[in-house]
N, C-alpha and C. Protein backbone atom coordinates (compact mmCIF):
# COMPACT_ATOMS: atom_id res chain seq x y z
N MET A 1 0.82 -1.18 0.00
CA MET A 1 0.00 0.00 0.00
C MET A 1 0.87 1.26 0.00
N ARG A 2 1.92 1.22 0.81
CA ARG A 2 2.82 2.37 0.90
C ARG A 2 3.51 2.62 -0.44
N ARG A 3 3.89 1.54 -1.11
CA ARG A 3 4.56 1.64 -2.41
C ARG A 3 3.62 2.29 -3.44
N ILE A 4 2.37 1.92 -3.43
CA ILE A 4 1.38 2.49 -4.37
C ILE A 4 1.21 3.98 -4.09
N LEU A 5 1.17 4.35 -2.82
CA LEU A 5 1.03 5.75 -2.45
C LEU A 5 2.23 6.56 -2.93
N VAL A 6 3.43 6.03 -2.74
CA VAL A 6 4.65 6.71 -3.19
C VAL A 6 4.63 6.86 -4.71
N GLN A 7 4.25 5.82 -5.42
CA GLN A 7 4.19 5.89 -6.89
C GLN A 7 3.14 6.91 -7.35
N ALA A 8 2.01 6.98 -6.67
CA ALA A 8 0.97 7.94 -7.03
C ALA A 8 1.46 9.37 -6.82
N VAL A 9 2.16 9.60 -5.71
CA VAL A 9 2.70 10.94 -5.44
C VAL A 9 3.74 11.30 -6.50
N MET A 10 4.62 10.37 -6.85
CA MET A 10 5.64 10.62 -7.87
C MET A 10 5.00 10.92 -9.22
N LEU A 11 3.99 10.19 -9.60
CA LEU A 11 3.29 10.42 -10.85
C LEU A 11 2.63 11.80 -10.83
N GLY A 12 2.04 12.16 -9.70
CA GLY A 12 1.43 13.48 -9.56
C GLY A 12 2.45 14.59 -9.70
N LEU A 13 3.62 14.44 -9.08
CA LEU A 13 4.67 15.45 -9.18
C LEU A 13 5.19 15.57 -10.60
N MET A 14 5.32 14.46 -11.30
CA MET A 14 5.78 14.51 -12.69
C MET A 14 4.74 15.22 -13.56
N THR A 15 3.48 14.98 -13.34
CA THR A 15 2.42 15.62 -14.10
C THR A 15 2.42 17.12 -13.85
N VAL A 16 2.54 17.52 -12.57
CA VAL A 16 2.61 18.95 -12.24
C VAL A 16 3.82 19.58 -12.92
N GLY A 17 4.94 18.88 -12.92
CA GLY A 17 6.15 19.40 -13.57
C GLY A 17 5.95 19.66 -15.04
N VAL A 18 5.25 18.80 -15.74
CA VAL A 18 5.00 18.99 -17.17
C VAL A 18 4.15 20.22 -17.40
N PHE A 19 3.08 20.38 -16.62
CA PHE A 19 2.22 21.54 -16.80
C PHE A 19 2.90 22.82 -16.34
N ALA A 20 3.71 22.76 -15.29
CA ALA A 20 4.40 23.94 -14.78
C ALA A 20 5.48 24.40 -15.75
N ALA A 21 5.99 23.50 -16.58
CA ALA A 21 7.07 23.85 -17.49
C ALA A 21 6.60 24.70 -18.67
N GLU A 22 5.30 24.76 -18.90
CA GLU A 22 4.77 25.55 -20.01
C GLU A 22 4.88 27.02 -19.67
N THR A 23 5.68 27.75 -20.44
CA THR A 23 5.94 29.16 -20.18
C THR A 23 4.76 30.02 -20.59
N LYS A 24 4.44 30.97 -19.74
CA LYS A 24 3.43 31.98 -20.05
C LYS A 24 4.20 33.22 -20.49
N TYR A 25 4.19 33.50 -21.78
CA TYR A 25 4.93 34.65 -22.30
C TYR A 25 4.17 35.93 -22.01
N GLY A 26 4.91 37.00 -21.76
CA GLY A 26 4.32 38.29 -21.49
C GLY A 26 5.06 38.99 -20.37
N VAL A 27 4.45 40.06 -19.85
CA VAL A 27 5.07 40.87 -18.82
C VAL A 27 4.13 40.93 -17.62
N LYS A 28 4.71 40.77 -16.44
CA LYS A 28 3.92 40.90 -15.22
C LYS A 28 4.79 41.57 -14.16
N ALA A 29 4.13 42.15 -13.19
CA ALA A 29 4.85 42.84 -12.13
C ALA A 29 4.12 42.70 -10.81
N THR A 30 4.91 42.72 -9.75
CA THR A 30 4.37 42.76 -8.40
C THR A 30 5.09 43.89 -7.66
N TYR A 31 4.39 44.50 -6.71
CA TYR A 31 5.02 45.56 -5.94
C TYR A 31 4.34 45.70 -4.59
N ASP A 32 5.05 46.33 -3.67
CA ASP A 32 4.55 46.57 -2.33
C ASP A 32 3.60 47.77 -2.40
N LYS A 33 2.35 47.54 -2.15
CA LYS A 33 1.32 48.59 -2.28
C LYS A 33 1.41 49.66 -1.19
N LYS A 34 2.20 49.40 -0.15
CA LYS A 34 2.35 50.37 0.94
C LYS A 34 3.47 51.38 0.67
N VAL A 35 4.22 51.18 -0.41
CA VAL A 35 5.38 52.03 -0.71
C VAL A 35 4.97 53.18 -1.63
N ASP A 36 5.48 54.39 -1.32
CA ASP A 36 5.27 55.56 -2.18
C ASP A 36 6.42 55.60 -3.19
N PHE A 37 6.21 55.01 -4.34
CA PHE A 37 7.26 54.93 -5.36
C PHE A 37 7.62 56.29 -5.93
N ALA A 38 6.70 57.23 -5.89
CA ALA A 38 6.97 58.58 -6.39
C ALA A 38 7.99 59.30 -5.51
N ALA A 39 8.18 58.85 -4.28
CA ALA A 39 9.13 59.48 -3.37
C ALA A 39 10.58 59.13 -3.68
N PHE A 40 10.82 58.09 -4.48
CA PHE A 40 12.18 57.70 -4.81
C PHE A 40 12.81 58.74 -5.73
N LYS A 41 14.01 59.19 -5.36
CA LYS A 41 14.72 60.18 -6.17
C LYS A 41 16.07 59.66 -6.66
N THR A 42 16.64 58.67 -5.95
CA THR A 42 17.96 58.15 -6.30
C THR A 42 17.95 56.63 -6.32
N TYR A 43 18.88 56.08 -7.07
CA TYR A 43 19.04 54.62 -7.12
C TYR A 43 20.52 54.28 -7.22
N SER A 44 20.83 53.06 -6.85
CA SER A 44 22.17 52.51 -7.07
C SER A 44 21.99 51.09 -7.59
N TRP A 45 23.04 50.59 -8.21
CA TRP A 45 23.00 49.24 -8.76
C TRP A 45 23.51 48.24 -7.74
N SER A 46 22.94 47.06 -7.80
CA SER A 46 23.42 45.93 -7.02
C SER A 46 23.70 44.81 -8.01
N PRO A 47 24.72 44.01 -7.75
CA PRO A 47 24.95 42.89 -8.66
C PRO A 47 23.74 41.97 -8.70
N GLY A 48 23.36 41.57 -9.88
CA GLY A 48 22.25 40.65 -10.05
C GLY A 48 22.75 39.41 -10.76
N TRP A 49 22.03 39.01 -11.77
CA TRP A 49 22.42 37.88 -12.60
C TRP A 49 22.47 38.40 -14.03
N PRO A 50 23.56 39.09 -14.38
CA PRO A 50 23.62 39.78 -15.67
C PRO A 50 23.67 38.81 -16.85
N ALA A 51 23.34 39.37 -18.00
CA ALA A 51 23.42 38.61 -19.24
C ALA A 51 24.86 38.16 -19.46
N ALA A 52 25.03 36.96 -19.96
CA ALA A 52 26.37 36.42 -20.20
C ALA A 52 27.09 37.19 -21.30
N ASP A 53 26.36 37.66 -22.28
CA ASP A 53 26.91 38.43 -23.38
C ASP A 53 27.11 39.87 -22.91
N LYS A 54 28.36 40.37 -22.95
CA LYS A 54 28.66 41.71 -22.44
C LYS A 54 27.93 42.81 -23.21
N ALA A 55 27.73 42.62 -24.50
CA ALA A 55 27.01 43.63 -25.29
C ALA A 55 25.54 43.67 -24.87
N VAL A 56 24.95 42.52 -24.60
CA VAL A 56 23.56 42.46 -24.13
C VAL A 56 23.46 43.09 -22.74
N HIS A 57 24.43 42.80 -21.88
CA HIS A 57 24.46 43.40 -20.54
C HIS A 57 24.50 44.93 -20.64
N ALA A 58 25.38 45.45 -21.47
CA ALA A 58 25.49 46.90 -21.63
C ALA A 58 24.19 47.50 -22.16
N GLN A 59 23.55 46.82 -23.10
CA GLN A 59 22.29 47.30 -23.66
C GLN A 59 21.19 47.29 -22.61
N LEU A 60 21.13 46.25 -21.81
CA LEU A 60 20.11 46.18 -20.76
C LEU A 60 20.32 47.28 -19.71
N VAL A 61 21.55 47.47 -19.28
CA VAL A 61 21.84 48.52 -18.30
C VAL A 61 21.44 49.88 -18.86
N ALA A 62 21.80 50.14 -20.11
CA ALA A 62 21.45 51.43 -20.74
C ALA A 62 19.94 51.61 -20.82
N ALA A 63 19.22 50.57 -21.21
CA ALA A 63 17.77 50.65 -21.34
C ALA A 63 17.10 50.86 -19.97
N ILE A 64 17.59 50.15 -18.96
CA ILE A 64 17.04 50.30 -17.61
C ILE A 64 17.33 51.70 -17.07
N GLU A 65 18.55 52.17 -17.25
CA GLU A 65 18.91 53.51 -16.78
C GLU A 65 18.10 54.59 -17.49
N GLN A 66 17.80 54.39 -18.75
CA GLN A 66 16.96 55.35 -19.48
C GLN A 66 15.56 55.40 -18.86
N GLN A 67 15.00 54.25 -18.53
CA GLN A 67 13.68 54.21 -17.92
C GLN A 67 13.71 54.81 -16.51
N LEU A 68 14.77 54.55 -15.77
CA LEU A 68 14.90 55.12 -14.43
C LEU A 68 14.98 56.65 -14.50
N ALA A 69 15.72 57.16 -15.48
CA ALA A 69 15.82 58.61 -15.67
C ALA A 69 14.45 59.20 -16.02
N SER A 70 13.69 58.47 -16.82
CA SER A 70 12.35 58.97 -17.19
C SER A 70 11.40 58.99 -16.00
N LEU A 71 11.73 58.22 -14.96
CA LEU A 71 10.96 58.25 -13.72
C LEU A 71 11.44 59.36 -12.79
N GLY A 72 12.52 60.04 -13.18
CA GLY A 72 13.08 61.11 -12.36
C GLY A 72 14.09 60.63 -11.34
N LEU A 73 14.57 59.41 -11.46
CA LEU A 73 15.56 58.88 -10.53
C LEU A 73 16.97 59.17 -11.03
N GLN A 74 17.84 59.53 -10.11
CA GLN A 74 19.24 59.80 -10.44
C GLN A 74 20.11 58.69 -9.87
N LYS A 75 21.10 58.32 -10.64
CA LYS A 75 22.02 57.25 -10.24
C LYS A 75 23.05 57.79 -9.26
N LEU A 76 23.28 57.07 -8.16
CA LEU A 76 24.34 57.39 -7.21
C LEU A 76 25.44 56.34 -7.34
N GLU A 77 26.65 56.82 -7.51
CA GLU A 77 27.80 55.90 -7.57
C GLU A 77 28.25 55.51 -6.17
N SER A 78 28.00 56.39 -5.20
CA SER A 78 28.36 56.10 -3.81
C SER A 78 27.32 56.76 -2.90
N GLY A 79 27.31 56.34 -1.67
CA GLY A 79 26.33 56.87 -0.73
C GLY A 79 25.07 56.03 -0.75
N LYS A 80 24.13 56.40 0.13
CA LYS A 80 22.90 55.62 0.27
C LYS A 80 21.83 56.15 -0.67
N ALA A 81 21.37 55.29 -1.56
CA ALA A 81 20.30 55.64 -2.50
C ALA A 81 18.95 55.29 -1.89
N ASP A 82 17.90 55.84 -2.49
CA ASP A 82 16.54 55.54 -2.03
C ASP A 82 16.13 54.10 -2.35
N VAL A 83 16.69 53.57 -3.44
CA VAL A 83 16.33 52.22 -3.88
C VAL A 83 17.54 51.58 -4.55
N VAL A 84 17.62 50.26 -4.44
CA VAL A 84 18.68 49.49 -5.09
C VAL A 84 18.04 48.72 -6.24
N VAL A 85 18.68 48.78 -7.40
CA VAL A 85 18.15 48.14 -8.60
C VAL A 85 19.08 47.01 -9.02
N LEU A 86 18.50 45.92 -9.46
CA LEU A 86 19.27 44.82 -10.05
C LEU A 86 18.42 44.16 -11.12
N TYR A 87 19.09 43.40 -11.97
CA TYR A 87 18.34 42.67 -12.99
C TYR A 87 18.91 41.28 -13.14
N ALA A 88 18.10 40.41 -13.71
CA ALA A 88 18.52 39.05 -14.04
C ALA A 88 18.05 38.77 -15.46
N ALA A 89 18.92 38.18 -16.25
CA ALA A 89 18.57 37.85 -17.63
C ALA A 89 19.01 36.43 -17.94
N VAL A 90 18.09 35.69 -18.56
CA VAL A 90 18.38 34.31 -18.96
C VAL A 90 17.91 34.13 -20.39
N ARG A 91 18.78 33.61 -21.21
CA ARG A 91 18.42 33.26 -22.58
C ARG A 91 18.40 31.75 -22.67
N ARG A 92 17.40 31.23 -23.37
CA ARG A 92 17.24 29.78 -23.43
C ARG A 92 16.62 29.38 -24.76
N THR A 93 16.50 28.10 -24.97
CA THR A 93 15.80 27.57 -26.13
C THR A 93 14.56 26.86 -25.61
N ASP A 94 13.40 27.29 -26.09
CA ASP A 94 12.14 26.65 -25.71
C ASP A 94 11.72 25.69 -26.81
N VAL A 95 10.90 24.73 -26.44
CA VAL A 95 10.42 23.72 -27.38
C VAL A 95 8.90 23.80 -27.42
N ASP A 96 8.35 23.81 -28.64
CA ASP A 96 6.90 23.80 -28.82
C ASP A 96 6.43 22.36 -28.70
N LEU A 97 5.90 22.01 -27.53
CA LEU A 97 5.49 20.64 -27.27
C LEU A 97 4.25 20.23 -28.06
N LYS A 98 3.56 21.21 -28.64
CA LYS A 98 2.37 20.90 -29.43
C LYS A 98 2.69 20.77 -30.92
N SER A 99 3.93 21.05 -31.30
CA SER A 99 4.30 20.94 -32.71
C SER A 99 4.51 19.48 -33.09
N GLU A 100 4.44 19.23 -34.38
CA GLU A 100 4.67 17.87 -34.88
C GLU A 100 6.14 17.50 -34.73
N MET A 101 6.38 16.26 -34.38
CA MET A 101 7.75 15.80 -34.25
C MET A 101 8.32 15.54 -35.64
N ASN A 102 9.53 16.03 -35.88
CA ASN A 102 10.22 15.80 -37.14
C ASN A 102 10.60 14.32 -37.19
N GLU A 103 10.18 13.63 -38.23
CA GLU A 103 10.42 12.19 -38.34
C GLU A 103 11.91 11.85 -38.41
N GLN A 104 12.70 12.72 -39.05
CA GLN A 104 14.12 12.43 -39.21
C GLN A 104 14.93 12.73 -37.95
N THR A 105 14.67 13.87 -37.34
CA THR A 105 15.45 14.25 -36.16
C THR A 105 14.82 13.81 -34.85
N ARG A 106 13.53 13.43 -34.91
CA ARG A 106 12.77 13.04 -33.72
C ARG A 106 12.71 14.19 -32.70
N MET A 107 12.69 15.43 -33.23
CA MET A 107 12.64 16.61 -32.37
C MET A 107 11.45 17.48 -32.76
N ARG A 108 11.02 18.29 -31.84
CA ARG A 108 9.94 19.24 -32.09
C ARG A 108 10.55 20.61 -32.39
N ARG A 109 9.67 21.55 -32.80
CA ARG A 109 10.13 22.90 -33.14
C ARG A 109 10.74 23.58 -31.91
N GLU A 110 11.90 24.19 -32.12
CA GLU A 110 12.58 24.94 -31.07
C GLU A 110 12.67 26.40 -31.47
N TYR A 111 12.74 27.29 -30.48
CA TYR A 111 12.87 28.71 -30.77
C TYR A 111 13.57 29.39 -29.60
N PRO A 112 14.28 30.51 -29.89
CA PRO A 112 14.97 31.23 -28.82
C PRO A 112 13.98 32.00 -27.96
N ALA A 113 14.22 32.02 -26.66
CA ALA A 113 13.37 32.73 -25.71
C ALA A 113 14.24 33.29 -24.60
N GLY A 114 13.66 34.15 -23.80
CA GLY A 114 14.42 34.73 -22.70
C GLY A 114 13.51 35.25 -21.61
N THR A 115 14.11 35.41 -20.43
CA THR A 115 13.43 35.98 -19.29
C THR A 115 14.27 37.14 -18.77
N LEU A 116 13.62 38.26 -18.52
CA LEU A 116 14.26 39.42 -17.92
C LEU A 116 13.47 39.78 -16.67
N VAL A 117 14.19 39.93 -15.55
CA VAL A 117 13.57 40.33 -14.29
C VAL A 117 14.30 41.59 -13.81
N ILE A 118 13.52 42.62 -13.46
CA ILE A 118 14.08 43.84 -12.89
C ILE A 118 13.49 43.97 -11.49
N ILE A 119 14.39 44.17 -10.51
CA ILE A 119 13.97 44.22 -9.11
C ILE A 119 14.44 45.51 -8.46
N PHE A 120 13.55 46.12 -7.67
CA PHE A 120 13.89 47.26 -6.82
C PHE A 120 13.86 46.74 -5.39
N ARG A 121 14.90 47.06 -4.61
CA ARG A 121 14.95 46.64 -3.21
C ARG A 121 15.17 47.83 -2.30
N ASP A 122 14.71 47.69 -1.08
CA ASP A 122 14.98 48.67 -0.05
C ASP A 122 16.45 48.52 0.34
N PRO A 123 17.25 49.61 0.31
CA PRO A 123 18.68 49.48 0.60
C PRO A 123 18.98 49.08 2.05
N ALA A 124 18.09 49.38 2.96
CA ALA A 124 18.33 49.06 4.37
C ALA A 124 18.00 47.62 4.71
N THR A 125 16.92 47.11 4.13
CA THR A 125 16.44 45.78 4.53
C THR A 125 16.55 44.72 3.43
N SER A 126 16.85 45.13 2.22
CA SER A 126 16.87 44.27 1.03
C SER A 126 15.49 43.71 0.70
N THR A 127 14.45 44.30 1.28
CA THR A 127 13.09 43.88 0.98
C THR A 127 12.77 44.23 -0.47
N GLU A 128 12.15 43.29 -1.15
CA GLU A 128 11.76 43.52 -2.54
C GLU A 128 10.57 44.47 -2.58
N LEU A 129 10.73 45.58 -3.31
CA LEU A 129 9.67 46.58 -3.41
C LEU A 129 8.91 46.46 -4.73
N PHE A 130 9.63 46.16 -5.79
CA PHE A 130 9.04 46.02 -7.12
C PHE A 130 9.78 44.92 -7.85
N LYS A 131 9.02 44.09 -8.57
CA LYS A 131 9.64 43.07 -9.44
C LYS A 131 8.83 42.98 -10.71
N GLY A 132 9.49 43.30 -11.83
CA GLY A 132 8.87 43.14 -13.13
C GLY A 132 9.55 42.00 -13.86
N ARG A 133 8.75 41.17 -14.50
CA ARG A 133 9.29 40.00 -15.20
C ARG A 133 8.69 39.92 -16.59
N ALA A 134 9.56 39.70 -17.56
CA ALA A 134 9.12 39.52 -18.94
C ALA A 134 9.66 38.21 -19.46
N ASP A 135 8.78 37.39 -20.00
CA ASP A 135 9.16 36.16 -20.70
C ASP A 135 8.78 36.39 -22.15
N LYS A 136 9.77 36.29 -23.03
CA LYS A 136 9.55 36.63 -24.43
C LYS A 136 10.17 35.59 -25.36
N VAL A 137 9.52 35.43 -26.50
CA VAL A 137 10.14 34.70 -27.60
C VAL A 137 11.06 35.70 -28.28
N LEU A 138 12.28 35.31 -28.52
CA LEU A 138 13.25 36.21 -29.15
C LEU A 138 13.31 35.96 -30.64
N ASP A 139 13.64 36.99 -31.37
CA ASP A 139 13.83 36.86 -32.80
C ASP A 139 15.19 36.21 -33.04
N ALA A 140 15.27 35.31 -33.98
CA ALA A 140 16.53 34.64 -34.27
C ALA A 140 17.54 35.58 -34.92
N ASP A 141 17.06 36.71 -35.46
CA ASP A 141 17.94 37.69 -36.11
C ASP A 141 18.61 38.55 -35.04
N PRO A 142 19.94 38.45 -34.88
CA PRO A 142 20.63 39.22 -33.84
C PRO A 142 20.51 40.74 -34.04
N ALA A 143 20.26 41.19 -35.25
CA ALA A 143 20.12 42.61 -35.52
C ALA A 143 18.88 43.19 -34.83
N LYS A 144 17.91 42.36 -34.51
CA LYS A 144 16.68 42.83 -33.88
C LYS A 144 16.75 42.77 -32.35
N LEU A 145 17.85 42.27 -31.81
CA LEU A 145 17.95 42.08 -30.37
C LEU A 145 17.87 43.40 -29.60
N LYS A 146 18.54 44.44 -30.05
CA LYS A 146 18.52 45.73 -29.36
C LYS A 146 17.09 46.24 -29.23
N GLU A 147 16.34 46.18 -30.30
CA GLU A 147 14.95 46.64 -30.28
C GLU A 147 14.12 45.80 -29.31
N ILE A 148 14.33 44.50 -29.30
CA ILE A 148 13.60 43.61 -28.40
C ILE A 148 13.93 43.94 -26.94
N LEU A 149 15.21 44.16 -26.65
CA LEU A 149 15.61 44.47 -25.28
C LEU A 149 15.02 45.81 -24.83
N ASP A 150 15.14 46.84 -25.67
CA ASP A 150 14.59 48.15 -25.33
C ASP A 150 13.09 48.07 -25.08
N THR A 151 12.39 47.39 -25.97
CA THR A 151 10.93 47.26 -25.85
C THR A 151 10.55 46.48 -24.60
N THR A 152 11.27 45.43 -24.31
CA THR A 152 10.96 44.61 -23.13
C THR A 152 11.16 45.39 -21.84
N VAL A 153 12.27 46.13 -21.75
CA VAL A 153 12.51 46.95 -20.55
C VAL A 153 11.39 47.99 -20.41
N LYS A 154 11.03 48.62 -21.51
CA LYS A 154 9.96 49.62 -21.48
C LYS A 154 8.64 48.99 -21.01
N GLU A 155 8.32 47.81 -21.49
CA GLU A 155 7.09 47.13 -21.09
C GLU A 155 7.08 46.81 -19.59
N ILE A 156 8.23 46.44 -19.05
CA ILE A 156 8.31 46.18 -17.61
C ILE A 156 8.05 47.48 -16.85
N PHE A 157 8.68 48.57 -17.28
CA PHE A 157 8.51 49.84 -16.57
C PHE A 157 7.11 50.43 -16.74
N GLU A 158 6.37 49.99 -17.73
CA GLU A 158 4.97 50.42 -17.84
C GLU A 158 4.14 49.86 -16.69
N LYS A 159 4.63 48.82 -16.04
CA LYS A 159 3.95 48.22 -14.88
C LYS A 159 4.39 48.87 -13.57
N TYR A 160 5.37 49.77 -13.63
CA TYR A 160 5.90 50.43 -12.44
C TYR A 160 4.81 51.33 -11.85
N PRO A 161 4.62 51.31 -10.53
CA PRO A 161 3.48 52.00 -9.93
C PRO A 161 3.59 53.52 -9.78
N ALA A 162 4.62 54.17 -10.27
CA ALA A 162 4.73 55.63 -10.20
C ALA A 162 4.74 56.19 -11.63
N LYS A 163 4.27 57.40 -11.77
CA LYS A 163 4.20 58.03 -13.09
C LYS A 163 5.56 58.54 -13.53
N LYS A 164 5.80 58.49 -14.84
CA LYS A 164 7.04 59.01 -15.42
C LYS A 164 7.00 60.52 -15.47
N THR A 165 8.20 61.13 -15.39
CA THR A 165 8.28 62.59 -15.45
C THR A 165 8.61 63.08 -16.84
N ALA A 166 9.16 62.24 -17.67
CA ALA A 166 9.53 62.67 -19.04
C ALA A 166 9.04 61.70 -20.06
């Protein structure tokens, strides 16, 4: 009886894993509703999980800093800022599990995808104040990557709970 119960639990976990693995593409954000985001005037960077490609990292930092400036936030190189900003970027290959399997390769359709997370933290407590996450299908053309990154960062900041100044 115990063995059957263990097998049923394992089967259930495997089933949940399959359904949980299906990515929901788009942008979502969560934030602390008790925080006055309009009161933030300065920010500093904290190490996050940067893009492995240095050019992509530089583009993401530039795009994020542009959005922060449009919110009226100024970057501090030293001293205590009102908020600490970090980002995480992951590029991966997703598989369309609903596509037909190629008879020769025995594989399904694959496509490039990525996740970008931007987080604002309280500098004193490291409490997460804002987290925006974008899961996107990426264009295979590297020339379009800059536009995709800029647009994705902008979409995340559209979920930011304070109004832009510029």
